[in-house]
Amino acid sequence: MVESNFDAESDVEPFRRLERERDLRLVQIHCGGPTDRIVEHFADRASGDRRHPGHDDDPEDAEEVRRKLDAGLWEPLELPGELIAIDVVAEDVDHGELAARVRAAAD
């Protein structure tokens, strides 16, 4: 399992190589949603005290997040395997259902 804000252009090949070289199934969970809501959510989290200080986020960084989203930098990676897209700021994400979908895709 790996987690990051992967770059849709430069981060694809290492995963493709891993898939070619190993007996595995790739399951990608892409956390996305409407740009305005993601940017607002980011700014809210950055201005609160619940964010770990190691993230070093400021609400002013929200426009950089918008630029990267608009540029398609964090779109789903073009990889073989299952793609599960979820709305990262949705209130009704069923984590049990998400886990079941990942298990089913990995079998």
Protein backbone atom coordinates (compact mmCIF):
# COMPACT_ATOMS: atom_id res chain seq x y z
CA MET A 1 0.00 0.00 0.00
CA VAL A 2 1.25 3.46 -0.91
CA GLU A 3 -0.35 6.85 -0.37
CA SER A 4 0.50 10.24 -1.80
CA ASN A 5 -0.62 13.08 -4.04
CA PHE A 6 0.74 11.23 -7.06
CA ASP A 7 1.60 13.19 -10.19
CA ALA A 8 -0.53 11.83 -13.05
CA GLU A 9 2.40 12.19 -15.45
CA SER A 10 5.63 11.44 -13.65
CA ASP A 11 4.50 8.85 -11.09
CA VAL A 12 2.93 6.32 -13.46
CA GLU A 13 5.92 4.37 -14.77
CA PRO A 14 7.18 3.03 -11.41
CA PHE A 15 3.76 1.48 -10.82
CA ARG A 16 3.62 0.03 -14.33
CA ARG A 17 7.08 -1.47 -13.84
CA LEU A 18 6.07 -2.93 -10.47
CA GLU A 19 2.96 -4.48 -12.05
CA ARG A 20 5.05 -6.01 -14.85
CA GLU A 21 7.72 -7.40 -12.53
CA ARG A 22 5.55 -8.76 -9.72
CA ASP A 23 2.54 -11.01 -9.41
CA LEU A 24 0.14 -8.41 -8.07
CA ARG A 25 -3.07 -6.55 -8.76
CA LEU A 26 -3.17 -2.80 -8.62
CA VAL A 27 -6.13 -1.18 -6.90
CA GLN A 28 -6.14 2.60 -7.07
CA ILE A 29 -8.34 4.69 -4.82
CA HIS A 30 -8.55 8.18 -6.28
CA CYS A 31 -9.78 10.83 -3.86
CA GLY A 32 -11.21 13.67 -5.90
CA GLY A 33 -14.32 15.76 -6.19
CA PRO A 34 -15.39 19.21 -7.31
CA THR A 35 -12.40 21.57 -7.38
CA ASP A 36 -14.12 24.36 -5.44
CA ARG A 37 -15.08 21.97 -2.64
CA ILE A 38 -11.59 20.44 -2.46
CA VAL A 39 -9.95 23.87 -2.30
CA GLU A 40 -12.39 25.05 0.38
CA HIS A 41 -11.87 21.86 2.38
CA PHE A 42 -8.09 22.27 2.14
CA ALA A 43 -8.24 25.88 3.35
CA ASP A 44 -10.52 24.91 6.25
CA ARG A 45 -8.19 22.10 7.33
CA ALA A 46 -5.09 24.29 6.97
CA SER A 47 -6.59 26.99 9.18
CA GLY A 48 -7.64 24.57 11.92
CA ASP A 49 -5.62 23.09 14.74
CA ARG A 50 -6.36 19.44 13.89
CA ARG A 51 -3.79 19.27 11.07
CA HIS A 52 -0.37 17.86 12.00
CA PRO A 53 2.19 20.69 11.95
CA GLY A 54 4.48 18.56 9.78
CA HIS A 55 2.18 19.29 6.83
CA ASP A 56 3.13 22.97 7.03
CA ASP A 57 -0.08 23.97 5.22
CA ASP A 58 -1.41 27.51 5.22
CA PRO A 59 -4.86 28.58 4.02
CA GLU A 60 -3.02 30.75 1.47
CA ASP A 61 -1.76 27.53 -0.17
CA ALA A 62 -5.31 26.85 -1.37
CA GLU A 63 -4.75 28.66 -4.67
CA GLU A 64 -1.72 26.47 -5.39
CA VAL A 65 -3.94 23.44 -4.75
CA ARG A 66 -6.49 24.88 -7.20
CA ARG A 67 -3.80 25.40 -9.88
CA LYS A 68 -2.60 21.81 -9.52
CA LEU A 69 -6.14 20.44 -9.67
CA ASP A 70 -6.96 22.58 -12.72
CA ALA A 71 -3.76 21.39 -14.43
CA GLY A 72 -4.81 17.76 -13.92
CA LEU A 73 -1.74 16.99 -11.83
CA TRP A 74 -3.66 14.77 -9.41
CA GLU A 75 -5.96 12.97 -11.83
CA PRO A 76 -6.20 9.17 -11.55
CA LEU A 77 -3.06 7.42 -12.75
CA GLU A 78 -3.35 5.57 -16.05
CA LEU A 79 -2.63 2.11 -14.70
CA PRO A 80 -3.91 -1.41 -15.20
CA GLY A 81 -6.20 -2.68 -12.49
CA GLU A 82 -9.17 -1.39 -10.60
CA LEU A 83 -9.86 2.34 -10.17
CA ILE A 84 -12.14 3.29 -7.30
CA ALA A 85 -13.03 6.99 -7.33
CA ILE A 86 -14.39 8.63 -4.21
CA ASP A 87 -15.35 12.19 -3.36
CA VAL A 88 -12.74 13.19 -0.79
CA VAL A 89 -14.95 15.82 0.85
CA ALA A 90 -18.21 13.86 0.78
CA GLU A 91 -19.85 13.42 4.12
CA ASP A 92 -21.29 10.01 3.28
CA VAL A 93 -18.22 7.91 2.40
CA ASP A 94 -18.94 4.38 3.64
CA HIS A 95 -15.52 3.14 4.68
CA GLY A 96 -16.78 -0.43 5.15
CA GLU A 97 -18.10 -0.47 1.59
CA LEU A 98 -14.84 1.03 0.32
CA ALA A 99 -12.83 -1.68 2.11
CA ALA A 100 -15.09 -4.36 0.63
CA ARG A 101 -14.58 -2.95 -2.88
CA VAL A 102 -10.80 -2.97 -2.41
CA ARG A 103 -10.85 -6.57 -1.16
CA ALA A 104 -13.06 -7.66 -4.08
CA ALA A 105 -10.79 -5.94 -6.60
CA ALA A 106 -7.69 -7.54 -5.10
CA ASP A 107 -9.09 -11.09 -5.21
